C-alpha atoms as a PDB file:
ATOM      1  CA  MET A   1     -28.200 -46.578  71.473  1.00  0.00           C
ATOM      2  CA  GLU A   2     -31.105 -44.534  72.847  1.00  0.00           C
ATOM      3  CA  PRO A   3     -31.625 -44.643  76.620  1.00  0.00           C
ATOM      4  CA  ILE A   4     -34.476 -46.820  77.822  1.00  0.00           C
ATOM      5  CA  SER A   5     -37.481 -44.810  79.003  1.00  0.00           C
ATOM      6  CA  GLY A   6     -38.725 -44.973  82.569  1.00  0.00           C
ATOM      7  CA  GLY A   7     -42.001 -46.548  81.472  1.00  0.00           C
ATOM      8  CA  THR A   8     -40.179 -49.316  79.632  1.00  0.00           C
ATOM      9  CA  ILE A   9     -37.948 -49.995  82.632  1.00  0.00           C
ATOM     10  CA  ILE A  10     -41.016 -50.267  84.877  1.00  0.00           C
ATOM     11  CA  LEU A  11     -42.588 -52.713  82.425  1.00  0.00           C
ATOM     12  CA  TYR A  12     -39.389 -54.788  82.345  1.00  0.00           C
ATOM     13  CA  GLY A  13     -39.277 -54.868  86.145  1.00  0.00           C
ATOM     14  CA  ILE A  14     -42.891 -55.991  86.490  1.00  0.00           C
ATOM     15  CA  LEU A  15     -42.551 -58.617  83.743  1.00  0.00           C
ATOM     16  CA  ALA A  16     -39.288 -60.025  85.124  1.00  0.00           C
ATOM     17  CA  SER A  17     -40.584 -60.236  88.707  1.00  0.00           C
ATOM     18  CA  THR A  18     -43.776 -61.922  87.433  1.00  0.00           C
ATOM     19  CA  ILE A  19     -41.796 -64.571  85.530  1.00  0.00           C
ATOM     20  CA  ALA A  20     -39.535 -65.127  88.546  1.00  0.00           C
ATOM     21  CA  GLY A  21     -42.584 -65.517  90.771  1.00  0.00           C
ATOM     22  CA  LEU A  22     -44.259 -67.989  88.407  1.00  0.00           C
ATOM     23  CA  ALA A  23     -41.163 -70.179  88.645  1.00  0.00           C
ATOM     24  CA  THR A  24     -42.606 -71.406  91.956  1.00  0.00           C
ATOM     25  CA  GLY A  25     -45.281 -73.162  89.912  1.00  0.00           C
ATOM     26  CA  ILE A  26     -42.667 -74.780  87.669  1.00  0.00           C
ATOM     27  CA  GLY A  27     -40.866 -76.056  90.736  1.00  0.00           C
ATOM     28  CA  ALA A  28     -44.120 -77.372  92.208  1.00  0.00           C
ATOM     29  CA  PHE A  29     -45.062 -79.231  88.999  1.00  0.00           C
ATOM     30  CA  PRO A  30     -43.584 -82.598  90.151  1.00  0.00           C
ATOM     31  CA  SER A  31     -46.192 -82.599  92.928  1.00  0.00           C
ATOM     32  CA  LEU A  32     -48.687 -83.703  90.267  1.00  0.00           C
ATOM     33  CA  PHE A  33     -46.825 -87.020  90.066  1.00  0.00           C
ATOM     34  CA  VAL A  34     -45.199 -87.594  93.480  1.00  0.00           C
ATOM     35  CA  ARG A  35     -46.482 -86.994  96.996  1.00  0.00           C
ATOM     36  CA  SER A  36     -43.106 -86.782  98.711  1.00  0.00           C
ATOM     37  CA  VAL A  37     -39.364 -86.501  98.177  1.00  0.00           C
ATOM     38  CA  SER A  38     -36.534 -87.277 100.559  1.00  0.00           C
ATOM     39  CA  ASP A  39     -35.623 -84.765 103.238  1.00  0.00           C
ATOM     40  CA  ARG A  40     -32.043 -84.884 101.934  1.00  0.00           C
ATOM     41  CA  PHE A  41     -33.146 -83.794  98.465  1.00  0.00           C
ATOM     42  CA  MET A  42     -35.427 -81.068  99.825  1.00  0.00           C
ATOM     43  CA  ASP A  43     -32.808 -79.652 102.189  1.00  0.00           C
ATOM     44  CA  SER A  44     -30.154 -79.690  99.448  1.00  0.00           C
ATOM     45  CA  SER A  45     -32.545 -77.899  97.097  1.00  0.00           C
ATOM     46  CA  LEU A  46     -33.477 -75.265  99.658  1.00  0.00           C
ATOM     47  CA  GLY A  47     -29.784 -74.845 100.446  1.00  0.00           C
ATOM     48  CA  PHE A  48     -29.271 -74.148  96.731  1.00  0.00           C
ATOM     49  CA  ALA A  49     -32.019 -71.515  96.939  1.00  0.00           C
ATOM     50  CA  ALA A  50     -30.307 -69.907  99.923  1.00  0.00           C
ATOM     51  CA  GLY A  51     -26.985 -69.833  98.059  1.00  0.00           C
ATOM     52  CA  VAL A  52     -28.563 -68.152  95.039  1.00  0.00           C
ATOM     53  CA  MET A  53     -30.198 -65.555  97.287  1.00  0.00           C
ATOM     54  CA  LEU A  54     -26.943 -64.945  99.151  1.00  0.00           C
ATOM     55  CA  ALA A  55     -24.957 -64.345  95.952  1.00  0.00           C
ATOM     56  CA  ALA A  56     -27.733 -62.183  94.504  1.00  0.00           C
ATOM     57  CA  THR A  57     -27.735 -60.126  97.682  1.00  0.00           C
ATOM     58  CA  SER A  58     -23.967 -59.708  97.565  1.00  0.00           C
ATOM     59  CA  PHE A  59     -23.245 -59.070  93.883  1.00  0.00           C
ATOM     60  CA  SER A  60     -26.535 -57.758  92.488  1.00  0.00           C
ATOM     61  CA  LEU A  61     -27.653 -55.593  95.408  1.00  0.00           C
ATOM     62  CA  ILE A  62     -24.941 -54.713  97.932  1.00  0.00           C
ATOM     63  CA  VAL A  63     -22.081 -54.048  95.499  1.00  0.00           C
ATOM     64  CA  PRO A  64     -24.197 -51.769  93.245  1.00  0.00           C
ATOM     65  CA  ALA A  65     -25.586 -50.011  96.331  1.00  0.00           C
ATOM     66  CA  ILE A  66     -22.079 -49.208  97.557  1.00  0.00           C
ATOM     67  CA  GLU A  67     -21.050 -48.028  94.096  1.00  0.00           C
ATOM     68  CA  ALA A  68     -24.121 -45.790  93.769  1.00  0.00           C
ATOM     69  CA  GLY A  69     -24.470 -44.411  97.286  1.00  0.00           C
ATOM     70  CA  GLY A  70     -21.425 -45.265  99.368  1.00  0.00           C
ATOM     71  CA  ILE A  71     -20.916 -47.526 102.341  1.00  0.00           C
ATOM     72  CA  TRP A  72     -23.000 -45.678 104.936  1.00  0.00           C
ATOM     73  CA  ILE A  73     -26.149 -45.443 102.834  1.00  0.00           C
ATOM     74  CA  THR A  74     -25.730 -49.151 102.159  1.00  0.00           C
ATOM     75  CA  VAL A  75     -25.283 -49.952 105.839  1.00  0.00           C
ATOM     76  CA  ILE A  76     -28.405 -47.975 106.738  1.00  0.00           C
ATOM     77  CA  GLY A  77     -30.457 -49.554 103.966  1.00  0.00           C
ATOM     78  CA  ILE A  78     -29.459 -53.111 104.929  1.00  0.00           C
ATOM     79  CA  ALA A  79     -30.272 -52.458 108.579  1.00  0.00           C
ATOM     80  CA  VAL A  80     -33.660 -50.917 107.760  1.00  0.00           C
ATOM     81  CA  GLY A  81     -34.546 -53.769 105.389  1.00  0.00           C
ATOM     82  CA  ALA A  82     -33.693 -56.399 108.008  1.00  0.00           C
ATOM     83  CA  VAL A  83     -35.637 -54.593 110.748  1.00  0.00           C
ATOM     84  CA  PHE A  84     -38.619 -54.200 108.407  1.00  0.00           C
ATOM     85  CA  LEU A  85     -38.756 -57.964 107.801  1.00  0.00           C
ATOM     86  CA  ASP A  86     -38.244 -58.659 111.497  1.00  0.00           C
ATOM     87  CA  ARG A  87     -41.175 -56.429 112.438  1.00  0.00           C
ATOM     88  CA  ALA A  88     -43.381 -57.862 109.699  1.00  0.00           C
ATOM     89  CA  ASP A  89     -42.491 -61.343 110.955  1.00  0.00           C
ATOM     90  CA  LYS A  90     -43.551 -60.339 114.482  1.00  0.00           C
ATOM     91  CA  TRP A  91     -46.688 -58.381 113.604  1.00  0.00           C
ATOM     92  CA  ILE A  92     -48.253 -60.462 110.806  1.00  0.00           C
ATOM     93  CA  PRO A  93     -49.756 -63.814 111.843  1.00  0.00           C
ATOM     94  CA  HIS A  94     -48.379 -66.678 109.769  1.00  0.00           C
ATOM     95  CA  GLU A  95     -47.375 -70.312 110.038  1.00  0.00           C
ATOM     96  CA  HIS A  96     -44.535 -72.518 108.791  1.00  0.00           C
ATOM     97  CA  PHE A  97     -45.004 -76.246 108.332  1.00  0.00           C
ATOM     98  CA  LEU A  98     -41.816 -77.036 110.260  1.00  0.00           C
ATOM     99  CA  LYS A  99     -41.460 -74.099 112.668  1.00  0.00           C
ATOM    100  CA  GLY A 100     -45.178 -73.785 113.381  1.00  0.00           C
ATOM    101  CA  PRO A 101     -47.114 -70.554 114.048  1.00  0.00           C
ATOM    102  CA  GLU A 102     -45.382 -67.189 114.411  1.00  0.00           C
ATOM    103  CA  GLY A 103     -46.592 -63.667 115.057  1.00  0.00           C
ATOM    104  CA  PRO A 104     -49.816 -62.784 116.907  1.00  0.00           C
ATOM    105  CA  SER A 105     -52.586 -65.333 117.324  1.00  0.00           C
ATOM    106  CA  SER A 106     -55.181 -65.448 114.572  1.00  0.00           C
ATOM    107  CA  THR A 107     -58.485 -67.096 113.705  1.00  0.00           C
ATOM    108  CA  LEU A 108     -57.464 -67.477 110.055  1.00  0.00           C
ATOM    109  CA  ARG A 109     -57.378 -70.978 108.601  1.00  0.00           C
ATOM    110  CA  ARG A 110     -54.007 -72.695 108.631  1.00  0.00           C
ATOM    111  CA  THR A 111     -53.781 -72.518 104.826  1.00  0.00           C
ATOM    112  CA  TRP A 112     -54.087 -68.730 104.872  1.00  0.00           C
ATOM    113  CA  LEU A 113     -51.493 -68.459 107.629  1.00  0.00           C
ATOM    114  CA  PHE A 114     -49.152 -70.557 105.496  1.00  0.00           C
ATOM    115  CA  ILE A 115     -49.801 -68.317 102.478  1.00  0.00           C
ATOM    116  CA  LEU A 116     -48.996 -65.255 104.612  1.00  0.00           C
ATOM    117  CA  ALA A 117     -45.671 -66.866 105.569  1.00  0.00           C
ATOM    118  CA  ILE A 118     -44.855 -67.401 101.898  1.00  0.00           C
ATOM    119  CA  THR A 119     -45.842 -63.810 101.139  1.00  0.00           C
ATOM    120  CA  LEU A 120     -43.423 -62.504 103.757  1.00  0.00           C
ATOM    121  CA  HIS A 121     -40.727 -64.664 102.194  1.00  0.00           C
ATOM    122  CA  ASN A 122     -41.334 -63.761  98.553  1.00  0.00           C
ATOM    123  CA  PHE A 123     -42.002 -60.034  98.773  1.00  0.00           C
ATOM    124  CA  PRO A 124     -38.311 -59.059  99.269  1.00  0.00           C
ATOM    125  CA  GLU A 125     -37.357 -61.134  96.227  1.00  0.00           C
ATOM    126  CA  GLY A 126     -39.783 -59.289  93.973  1.00  0.00           C
ATOM    127  CA  LEU A 127     -38.626 -56.009  95.480  1.00  0.00           C
ATOM    128  CA  ALA A 128     -35.021 -56.918  94.697  1.00  0.00           C
ATOM    129  CA  VAL A 129     -35.810 -57.670  91.034  1.00  0.00           C
ATOM    130  CA  GLY A 130     -37.751 -54.426  90.688  1.00  0.00           C
ATOM    131  CA  VAL A 131     -35.029 -52.320  92.255  1.00  0.00           C
ATOM    132  CA  GLY A 132     -32.443 -54.073  90.086  1.00  0.00           C
ATOM    133  CA  PHE A 133     -34.265 -52.988  86.939  1.00  0.00           C
ATOM    134  CA  GLY A 134     -35.085 -49.565  88.365  1.00  0.00           C
ATOM    135  CA  GLY A 135     -31.443 -48.596  88.192  1.00  0.00           C
ATOM    136  CA  GLY A 136     -31.590 -48.946  84.388  1.00  0.00           C
ATOM    137  CA  ASP A 137     -29.251 -51.969  84.346  1.00  0.00           C
ATOM    138  CA  VAL A 138     -31.316 -54.371  82.247  1.00  0.00           C
ATOM    139  CA  ALA A 139     -28.550 -56.990  82.059  1.00  0.00           C
ATOM    140  CA  GLY A 140     -27.997 -56.970  85.811  1.00  0.00           C
ATOM    141  CA  GLY A 141     -31.733 -57.012  86.476  1.00  0.00           C
ATOM    142  CA  THR A 142     -32.125 -59.950  84.104  1.00  0.00           C
ATOM    143  CA  ALA A 143     -29.420 -61.927  85.899  1.00  0.00           C
ATOM    144  CA  LEU A 144     -31.103 -61.191  89.214  1.00  0.00           C
ATOM    145  CA  ALA A 145     -34.512 -62.254  87.879  1.00  0.00           C
ATOM    146  CA  ILE A 146     -33.072 -65.519  86.510  1.00  0.00           C
ATOM    147  CA  GLY A 147     -31.408 -66.239  89.842  1.00  0.00           C
ATOM    148  CA  ILE A 148     -34.567 -65.506  91.820  1.00  0.00           C
ATOM    149  CA  GLY A 149     -36.537 -67.718  89.438  1.00  0.00           C
ATOM    150  CA  LEU A 150     -34.073 -70.580  89.942  1.00  0.00           C
ATOM    151  CA  GLN A 151     -34.262 -70.353  93.705  1.00  0.00           C
ATOM    152  CA  ASN A 152     -38.074 -70.148  93.581  1.00  0.00           C
ATOM    153  CA  MET A 153     -38.288 -73.605  91.987  1.00  0.00           C
ATOM    154  CA  PRO A 154     -37.306 -75.687  95.031  1.00  0.00           C
ATOM    155  CA  GLU A 155     -39.392 -73.370  97.181  1.00  0.00           C
ATOM    156  CA  GLY A 156     -42.418 -74.117  95.006  1.00  0.00           C
ATOM    157  CA  LEU A 157     -41.973 -77.835  95.634  1.00  0.00           C
ATOM    158  CA  ALA A 158     -41.446 -77.136  99.329  1.00  0.00           C
ATOM    159  CA  VAL A 159     -44.831 -75.403  99.355  1.00  0.00           C
ATOM    160  CA  ALA A 160     -46.772 -78.016  97.368  1.00  0.00           C
ATOM    161  CA  LEU A 161     -45.655 -81.217  99.096  1.00  0.00           C
ATOM    162  CA  PRO A 162     -46.717 -80.236 102.637  1.00  0.00           C
ATOM    163  CA  LEU A 163     -50.090 -79.208 101.223  1.00  0.00           C
ATOM    164  CA  LEU A 164     -50.463 -82.714  99.790  1.00  0.00           C
ATOM    165  CA  ARG A 165     -49.739 -84.112 103.250  1.00  0.00           C
ATOM    166  CA  GLU A 166     -52.496 -81.822 104.536  1.00  0.00           C
ATOM    167  CA  LYS A 167     -54.898 -83.703 102.188  1.00  0.00           C
ATOM    168  CA  TYR A 168     -55.124 -80.988  99.522  1.00  0.00           C
ATOM    169  CA  SER A 169     -55.682 -82.228  95.976  1.00  0.00           C
ATOM    170  CA  ARG A 170     -52.695 -82.218  93.616  1.00  0.00           C
ATOM    171  CA  GLY A 171     -54.243 -79.504  91.470  1.00  0.00           C
ATOM    172  CA  LYS A 172     -55.030 -77.258  94.436  1.00  0.00           C
ATOM    173  CA  ALA A 173     -51.548 -77.729  95.910  1.00  0.00           C
ATOM    174  CA  LEU A 174     -49.993 -76.759  92.570  1.00  0.00           C
ATOM    175  CA  LEU A 175     -52.311 -73.751  92.278  1.00  0.00           C
ATOM    176  CA  ILE A 176     -51.482 -72.483  95.778  1.00  0.00           C
ATOM    177  CA  ALA A 177     -47.751 -72.978  95.197  1.00  0.00           C
ATOM    178  CA  THR A 178     -47.960 -71.040  91.933  1.00  0.00           C
ATOM    179  CA  ALA A 179     -50.049 -68.284  93.488  1.00  0.00           C
ATOM    180  CA  SER A 180     -47.572 -67.965  96.359  1.00  0.00           C
ATOM    181  CA  GLY A 181     -45.053 -66.449  93.946  1.00  0.00           C
ATOM    182  CA  LEU A 182     -47.443 -63.821  92.638  1.00  0.00           C
ATOM    183  CA  VAL A 183     -46.643 -61.412  95.458  1.00  0.00           C
ATOM    184  CA  GLU A 184     -43.313 -60.910  93.715  1.00  0.00           C
ATOM    185  CA  PRO A 185     -44.732 -58.718  90.920  1.00  0.00           C
ATOM    186  CA  ILE A 186     -46.192 -56.475  93.636  1.00  0.00           C
ATOM    187  CA  GLY A 187     -42.755 -56.129  95.206  1.00  0.00           C
ATOM    188  CA  GLY A 188     -41.297 -55.673  91.730  1.00  0.00           C
ATOM    189  CA  LEU A 189     -43.703 -52.844  90.920  1.00  0.00           C
ATOM    190  CA  ILE A 190     -42.961 -51.070  94.190  1.00  0.00           C
ATOM    191  CA  GLY A 191     -39.211 -51.474  93.747  1.00  0.00           C
ATOM    192  CA  VAL A 192     -38.903 -50.478  90.103  1.00  0.00           C
ATOM    193  CA  GLY A 193     -41.444 -47.668  90.440  1.00  0.00           C
ATOM    194  CA  ALA A 194     -39.811 -46.129  93.493  1.00  0.00           C
ATOM    195  CA  VAL A 195     -36.259 -46.001  92.159  1.00  0.00           C
ATOM    196  CA  THR A 196     -37.307 -45.058  88.609  1.00  0.00           C
ATOM    197  CA  LEU A 197     -39.439 -42.120  89.706  1.00  0.00           C
ATOM    198  CA  ALA A 198     -37.054 -41.077  92.488  1.00  0.00           C
ATOM    199  CA  ARG A 199     -33.594 -42.068  91.231  1.00  0.00           C
ATOM    200  CA  PRO A 200     -31.723 -40.858  94.368  1.00  0.00           C
ATOM    201  CA  PHE A 201     -33.441 -43.693  96.260  1.00  0.00           C
ATOM    202  CA  LEU A 202     -31.676 -46.331  94.138  1.00  0.00           C
ATOM    203  CA  PRO A 203     -28.782 -47.163  96.513  1.00  0.00           C
ATOM    204  CA  LEU A 204     -31.109 -47.146  99.521  1.00  0.00           C
ATOM    205  CA  GLY A 205     -33.592 -49.366  97.679  1.00  0.00           C
ATOM    206  CA  LEU A 206     -30.881 -51.830  96.678  1.00  0.00           C
ATOM    207  CA  ALA A 207     -29.584 -51.999 100.237  1.00  0.00           C
ATOM    208  CA  PHE A 208     -33.094 -52.297 101.732  1.00  0.00           C
ATOM    209  CA  ALA A 209     -33.845 -55.282  99.468  1.00  0.00           C
ATOM    210  CA  ALA A 210     -30.491 -56.811 100.437  1.00  0.00           C
ATOM    211  CA  GLY A 211     -31.224 -56.496 104.147  1.00  0.00           C
ATOM    212  CA  ALA A 212     -34.672 -58.023 103.728  1.00  0.00           C
ATOM    213  CA  MET A 213     -33.272 -60.967 101.761  1.00  0.00           C
ATOM    214  CA  LEU A 214     -30.459 -61.531 104.259  1.00  0.00           C
ATOM    215  CA  PHE A 215     -33.067 -61.735 107.016  1.00  0.00           C
ATOM    216  CA  VAL A 216     -35.051 -64.365 105.095  1.00  0.00           C
ATOM    217  CA  ILE A 217     -31.917 -66.417 104.340  1.00  0.00           C
ATOM    218  CA  SER A 218     -30.750 -66.523 107.945  1.00  0.00           C
ATOM    219  CA  ASP A 219     -34.072 -66.586 109.792  1.00  0.00           C
ATOM    220  CA  GLU A 220     -36.058 -68.905 107.532  1.00  0.00           C
ATOM    221  CA  ILE A 221     -34.242 -70.928 104.884  1.00  0.00           C
ATOM    222  CA  ILE A 222     -30.951 -72.041 106.441  1.00  0.00           C
ATOM    223  CA  PRO A 223     -32.429 -73.026 109.837  1.00  0.00           C
ATOM    224  CA  GLU A 224     -35.040 -75.130 108.027  1.00  0.00           C
ATOM    225  CA  THR A 225     -32.407 -76.951 105.959  1.00  0.00           C
ATOM    226  CA  HIS A 226     -30.438 -77.731 109.136  1.00  0.00           C
ATOM    227  CA  SER A 227     -33.352 -79.067 111.160  1.00  0.00           C
ATOM    228  CA  ARG A 228     -33.461 -82.659 109.875  1.00  0.00           C
ATOM    229  CA  GLY A 229     -29.880 -83.868 110.015  1.00  0.00           C
ATOM    230  CA  ASN A 230     -28.860 -82.904 106.475  1.00  0.00           C
ATOM    231  CA  GLU A 231     -26.592 -79.976 107.320  1.00  0.00           C
ATOM    232  CA  ARG A 232     -23.705 -81.111 105.086  1.00  0.00           C
ATOM    233  CA  GLU A 233     -25.902 -81.620 102.026  1.00  0.00           C
ATOM    234  CA  ALA A 234     -27.616 -78.280 102.622  1.00  0.00           C
ATOM    235  CA  THR A 235     -24.250 -76.559 102.977  1.00  0.00           C
ATOM    236  CA  PHE A 236     -23.044 -77.861  99.627  1.00  0.00           C
ATOM    237  CA  GLY A 237     -26.391 -76.782  98.179  1.00  0.00           C
ATOM    238  CA  VAL A 238     -25.646 -73.255  99.425  1.00  0.00           C
ATOM    239  CA  ILE A 239     -22.197 -73.311  97.842  1.00  0.00           C
ATOM    240  CA  ILE A 240     -23.485 -74.576  94.485  1.00  0.00           C
ATOM    241  CA  GLY A 241     -26.297 -72.016  94.459  1.00  0.00           C
ATOM    242  CA  PHE A 242     -23.856 -69.242  95.320  1.00  0.00           C
ATOM    243  CA  LEU A 243     -21.543 -70.252  92.468  1.00  0.00           C
ATOM    244  CA  VAL A 244     -24.415 -70.451  89.973  1.00  0.00           C
ATOM    245  CA  MET A 245     -25.701 -66.977  90.842  1.00  0.00           C
ATOM    246  CA  MET A 246     -22.195 -65.499  90.933  1.00  0.00           C
ATOM    247  CA  THR A 247     -21.607 -66.886  87.425  1.00  0.00           C
ATOM    248  CA  LEU A 248     -24.922 -65.528  86.145  1.00  0.00           C
ATOM    249  CA  ASP A 249     -24.189 -62.103  87.569  1.00  0.00           C
ATOM    250  CA  ASN A 250     -20.811 -61.958  85.849  1.00  0.00           C
ATOM    251  CA  LEU A 251     -22.101 -63.301  82.532  1.00  0.00           C
ATOM    252  CA  PHE A 252     -25.070 -60.903  82.358  1.00  0.00           C
ATOM    253  CA  GLY A 253     -23.834 -58.014  84.480  1.00  0.00           C
END
């Protein structure tokens, strides 16, 4: 079989990260019919998302990074990715519906601050999909994209429902939730382009994406799922999500 060209790989990476990002809109679709769901359901669903991200980070990013570049490159990349997200979290004004405002003060409307928070969250996921394809492993990149898409679904609902409580129309809440995932193709383009055009950066790119995703899992998703008394349900959500992504990675990878 002929090797896949760099241009085709870049196209695959952009397309896959776009589809994964649009999954937020699929997840938000029930907001057209319901205005709320139970905290237990939401925390379990977000726990599932965290579990998928954790397995994707482990099997689709960290293991290939070690295989391609060795342990120390991987350690450096993870550390740099985590610090990058930490600094972005500190320097970019944004707001979470549960945690409230973070970063420097801003005169932006609350909706835009919320969208910035989602952007910070979703960018590493798109980057991870892009880097996954950039290595030329279409099967592994596909598994990663499917996993990211699955975990984006509960996040889409988690975006839309608070907007409904803020008196946004159902259509506008769905539109914003869908649009919140569209930063992922940008991350995908950066990731797949960087490692395709400069192949030696592949292990560092994989590890950087892993560090960024680990930061999001620990700093954002898990604390939110444990803030309303549903820790046990959220924990089993993490385990189920981890098992689903681990299975996908082994079936496709």
